[in-house]
Amino acid sequence: MSLEQEFNDAAEKVKNLQKRPTDHELLELYALFKQGSLGDVNTSRPGMFDLKGKAKWDAWSSKKGMSKDEAKETYVKFVETLLKKYEE
């Protein structure tokens, strides 16, 4: 299976978790997914009243410089960890 297929499979599997991951875990998932899909953050930081948007932007921005393939590999491993944690 190619890395792209593993990445897409992981993205589908994580939608079916029995329990909701923590906010920190959700931000990590978001950041790795965006970095793996689009690369470095390519938008301006949301305004001061958009707290959720800023948290997501900051999480994605923290992955700046990570290659798309590295982000995809890390995402797949992180999803496997979450599946073990929340599917048992």
N, C-alpha and C. Protein backbone atom coordinates (compact mmCIF):
# COMPACT_ATOMS: atom_id res chain seq x y z
N MET A 1 0.86 -1.19 0.00
CA MET A 1 0.00 0.00 0.00
C MET A 1 0.90 1.24 0.00
N SER A 2 0.57 2.20 -0.82
CA SER A 2 1.37 3.42 -0.90
C SER A 2 1.12 4.30 0.32
N LEU A 3 2.03 5.22 0.54
CA LEU A 3 1.90 6.14 1.66
C LEU A 3 0.61 6.97 1.53
N GLU A 4 0.30 7.37 0.30
CA GLU A 4 -0.92 8.16 0.06
C GLU A 4 -2.16 7.35 0.44
N GLN A 5 -2.18 6.06 0.11
CA GLN A 5 -3.32 5.21 0.46
C GLN A 5 -3.41 5.03 1.98
N GLU A 6 -2.26 4.80 2.62
CA GLU A 6 -2.25 4.65 4.09
C GLU A 6 -2.77 5.92 4.75
N PHE A 7 -2.35 7.07 4.24
CA PHE A 7 -2.77 8.37 4.77
C PHE A 7 -4.28 8.53 4.64
N ASN A 8 -4.81 8.24 3.48
CA ASN A 8 -6.26 8.36 3.25
C ASN A 8 -7.04 7.35 4.09
N ASP A 9 -6.54 6.13 4.23
CA ASP A 9 -7.19 5.12 5.07
C ASP A 9 -7.23 5.57 6.53
N ALA A 10 -6.10 6.12 7.00
CA ALA A 10 -6.04 6.60 8.38
C ALA A 10 -7.04 7.73 8.60
N ALA A 11 -7.16 8.61 7.61
CA ALA A 11 -8.11 9.73 7.73
C ALA A 11 -9.54 9.22 7.83
N GLU A 12 -9.86 8.14 7.14
CA GLU A 12 -11.19 7.55 7.22
C GLU A 12 -11.40 6.83 8.55
N LYS A 13 -10.40 6.07 8.99
CA LYS A 13 -10.52 5.30 10.23
C LYS A 13 -10.72 6.20 11.44
N VAL A 14 -10.02 7.34 11.47
CA VAL A 14 -10.08 8.21 12.64
C VAL A 14 -11.48 8.80 12.82
N LYS A 15 -12.26 8.85 11.76
CA LYS A 15 -13.63 9.37 11.85
C LYS A 15 -14.55 8.44 12.63
N ASN A 16 -14.14 7.18 12.79
CA ASN A 16 -15.00 6.18 13.43
C ASN A 16 -14.58 5.80 14.84
N LEU A 17 -13.81 6.65 15.49
CA LEU A 17 -13.39 6.36 16.87
C LEU A 17 -14.62 6.30 17.78
N GLN A 18 -14.58 5.40 18.74
CA GLN A 18 -15.69 5.23 19.69
C GLN A 18 -15.78 6.39 20.67
N LYS A 19 -14.63 6.95 21.04
CA LYS A 19 -14.59 8.07 21.98
C LYS A 19 -13.91 9.25 21.29
N ARG A 20 -14.23 10.43 21.75
CA ARG A 20 -13.64 11.65 21.19
C ARG A 20 -12.24 11.86 21.77
N PRO A 21 -11.24 12.06 20.89
CA PRO A 21 -9.88 12.37 21.39
C PRO A 21 -9.88 13.70 22.13
N THR A 22 -8.82 13.93 22.88
CA THR A 22 -8.67 15.20 23.60
C THR A 22 -8.50 16.33 22.60
N ASP A 23 -8.69 17.55 23.07
CA ASP A 23 -8.50 18.71 22.20
C ASP A 23 -7.08 18.76 21.65
N HIS A 24 -6.11 18.44 22.49
CA HIS A 24 -4.71 18.43 22.05
C HIS A 24 -4.50 17.40 20.94
N GLU A 25 -5.08 16.22 21.11
CA GLU A 25 -4.96 15.18 20.08
C GLU A 25 -5.65 15.60 18.78
N LEU A 26 -6.79 16.24 18.89
CA LEU A 26 -7.50 16.72 17.70
C LEU A 26 -6.69 17.78 16.95
N LEU A 27 -6.05 18.67 17.70
CA LEU A 27 -5.21 19.68 17.06
C LEU A 27 -4.01 19.05 16.36
N GLU A 28 -3.43 18.03 16.99
CA GLU A 28 -2.30 17.33 16.37
C GLU A 28 -2.75 16.63 15.08
N LEU A 29 -3.91 15.98 15.13
CA LEU A 29 -4.45 15.34 13.92
C LEU A 29 -4.65 16.37 12.82
N TYR A 30 -5.25 17.49 13.17
CA TYR A 30 -5.52 18.54 12.19
C TYR A 30 -4.21 19.05 11.57
N ALA A 31 -3.24 19.35 12.43
CA ALA A 31 -1.98 19.92 11.95
C ALA A 31 -1.25 18.94 11.02
N LEU A 32 -1.19 17.68 11.42
CA LEU A 32 -0.50 16.68 10.59
C LEU A 32 -1.25 16.45 9.28
N PHE A 33 -2.58 16.44 9.34
CA PHE A 33 -3.36 16.24 8.11
C PHE A 33 -3.13 17.40 7.14
N LYS A 34 -3.21 18.62 7.64
CA LYS A 34 -3.02 19.78 6.78
C LYS A 34 -1.60 19.83 6.21
N GLN A 35 -0.62 19.53 7.05
CA GLN A 35 0.77 19.54 6.59
C GLN A 35 0.99 18.46 5.54
N GLY A 36 0.41 17.29 5.76
CA GLY A 36 0.54 16.19 4.81
C GLY A 36 -0.20 16.44 3.51
N SER A 37 -1.29 17.18 3.59
CA SER A 37 -2.11 17.46 2.40
C SER A 37 -1.62 18.67 1.61
N LEU A 38 -1.35 19.76 2.33
CA LEU A 38 -1.06 21.03 1.68
C LEU A 38 0.36 21.55 1.86
N GLY A 39 1.09 21.02 2.83
CA GLY A 39 2.41 21.55 3.13
C GLY A 39 2.31 22.68 4.15
N ASP A 40 3.30 23.55 4.13
CA ASP A 40 3.35 24.63 5.12
C ASP A 40 2.10 25.51 5.07
N VAL A 41 1.76 26.05 6.24
CA VAL A 41 0.58 26.91 6.37
C VAL A 41 0.64 28.01 5.31
N ASN A 42 -0.50 28.24 4.65
CA ASN A 42 -0.53 29.16 3.52
C ASN A 42 -1.61 30.23 3.65
N THR A 43 -2.06 30.45 4.87
CA THR A 43 -3.07 31.47 5.12
C THR A 43 -2.58 32.37 6.25
N SER A 44 -3.21 33.52 6.39
CA SER A 44 -2.84 34.40 7.49
C SER A 44 -3.53 33.92 8.77
N ARG A 45 -2.93 34.28 9.89
CA ARG A 45 -3.46 33.85 11.19
C ARG A 45 -4.81 34.53 11.44
N PRO A 46 -5.81 33.75 11.90
CA PRO A 46 -7.14 34.33 12.18
C PRO A 46 -7.06 35.44 13.24
N GLY A 47 -8.10 36.26 13.28
CA GLY A 47 -8.17 37.38 14.21
C GLY A 47 -8.30 36.95 15.66
N MET A 48 -8.17 37.92 16.54
CA MET A 48 -8.12 37.64 17.97
C MET A 48 -9.40 37.05 18.55
N PHE A 49 -10.52 37.21 17.89
CA PHE A 49 -11.77 36.67 18.42
C PHE A 49 -12.07 35.26 17.93
N ASP A 50 -11.29 34.77 16.99
CA ASP A 50 -11.47 33.41 16.47
C ASP A 50 -10.50 32.47 17.19
N LEU A 51 -10.84 32.12 18.42
CA LEU A 51 -9.94 31.32 19.25
C LEU A 51 -9.70 29.93 18.67
N LYS A 52 -10.75 29.30 18.19
CA LYS A 52 -10.61 27.97 17.61
C LYS A 52 -9.75 28.03 16.35
N GLY A 53 -10.02 29.00 15.51
CA GLY A 53 -9.25 29.17 14.28
C GLY A 53 -7.77 29.42 14.56
N LYS A 54 -7.51 30.24 15.58
CA LYS A 54 -6.11 30.52 15.94
C LYS A 54 -5.42 29.28 16.45
N ALA A 55 -6.10 28.48 17.26
CA ALA A 55 -5.50 27.25 17.80
C ALA A 55 -5.17 26.29 16.66
N LYS A 56 -6.08 26.16 15.71
CA LYS A 56 -5.84 25.27 14.57
C LYS A 56 -4.69 25.80 13.71
N TRP A 57 -4.68 27.11 13.46
CA TRP A 57 -3.62 27.71 12.66
C TRP A 57 -2.27 27.54 13.34
N ASP A 58 -2.23 27.78 14.66
CA ASP A 58 -0.97 27.63 15.41
C ASP A 58 -0.47 26.19 15.37
N ALA A 59 -1.39 25.24 15.49
CA ALA A 59 -1.00 23.83 15.45
C ALA A 59 -0.40 23.49 14.09
N TRP A 60 -1.05 23.93 13.02
CA TRP A 60 -0.55 23.67 11.67
C TRP A 60 0.79 24.38 11.46
N SER A 61 0.88 25.61 11.90
CA SER A 61 2.11 26.39 11.74
C SER A 61 3.28 25.74 12.47
N SER A 62 2.99 25.02 13.56
CA SER A 62 4.06 24.36 14.32
C SER A 62 4.73 23.25 13.51
N LYS A 63 4.10 22.81 12.45
CA LYS A 63 4.66 21.75 11.59
C LYS A 63 5.44 22.32 10.41
N LYS A 64 5.59 23.64 10.36
CA LYS A 64 6.27 24.29 9.24
C LYS A 64 7.65 23.69 9.02
N GLY A 65 7.94 23.38 7.76
CA GLY A 65 9.23 22.80 7.42
C GLY A 65 9.21 21.28 7.33
N MET A 66 8.19 20.66 7.91
CA MET A 66 8.05 19.19 7.83
C MET A 66 7.59 18.84 6.42
N SER A 67 8.23 17.85 5.82
CA SER A 67 7.84 17.45 4.46
C SER A 67 6.45 16.82 4.48
N LYS A 68 5.78 16.84 3.34
CA LYS A 68 4.45 16.23 3.25
C LYS A 68 4.52 14.75 3.58
N ASP A 69 5.53 14.05 3.06
CA ASP A 69 5.65 12.61 3.33
C ASP A 69 5.90 12.33 4.80
N GLU A 70 6.75 13.13 5.43
CA GLU A 70 7.01 12.94 6.86
C GLU A 70 5.73 13.18 7.67
N ALA A 71 4.97 14.20 7.29
CA ALA A 71 3.71 14.50 7.98
C ALA A 71 2.72 13.36 7.79
N LYS A 72 2.66 12.81 6.60
CA LYS A 72 1.75 11.68 6.34
C LYS A 72 2.13 10.47 7.17
N GLU A 73 3.43 10.15 7.22
CA GLU A 73 3.89 9.01 8.02
C GLU A 73 3.57 9.21 9.49
N THR A 74 3.82 10.42 9.99
CA THR A 74 3.54 10.73 11.40
C THR A 74 2.04 10.66 11.68
N TYR A 75 1.24 11.15 10.74
CA TYR A 75 -0.22 11.11 10.88
C TYR A 75 -0.71 9.66 10.98
N VAL A 76 -0.24 8.81 10.09
CA VAL A 76 -0.66 7.40 10.09
C VAL A 76 -0.30 6.74 11.43
N LYS A 77 0.90 6.98 11.93
CA LYS A 77 1.32 6.41 13.22
C LYS A 77 0.48 6.95 14.36
N PHE A 78 0.19 8.26 14.32
CA PHE A 78 -0.60 8.87 15.37
C PHE A 78 -2.03 8.32 15.38
N VAL A 79 -2.61 8.12 14.21
CA VAL A 79 -3.95 7.54 14.12
C VAL A 79 -3.94 6.12 14.68
N GLU A 80 -2.90 5.34 14.38
CA GLU A 80 -2.81 3.98 14.93
C GLU A 80 -2.79 4.01 16.44
N THR A 81 -2.07 4.97 17.00
CA THR A 81 -2.03 5.13 18.46
C THR A 81 -3.40 5.47 19.01
N LEU A 82 -4.10 6.38 18.34
CA LEU A 82 -5.45 6.76 18.80
C LEU A 82 -6.44 5.60 18.68
N LEU A 83 -6.31 4.82 17.60
CA LEU A 83 -7.21 3.67 17.44
C LEU A 83 -7.03 2.68 18.59
N LYS A 84 -5.80 2.43 18.98
CA LYS A 84 -5.54 1.53 20.11
C LYS A 84 -6.09 2.12 21.41
N LYS A 85 -5.92 3.42 21.58
CA LYS A 85 -6.33 4.09 22.81
C LYS A 85 -7.85 4.17 22.95
N TYR A 86 -8.56 4.46 21.85
CA TYR A 86 -9.97 4.76 21.95
C TYR A 86 -10.90 3.66 21.39
N GLU A 87 -10.34 2.59 20.86
CA GLU A 87 -11.18 1.51 20.34
C GLU A 87 -11.29 0.34 21.31
N GLU A 88 -10.49 0.35 22.34
CA GLU A 88 -10.51 -0.80 23.27
C GLU A 88 -11.62 -0.69 24.28
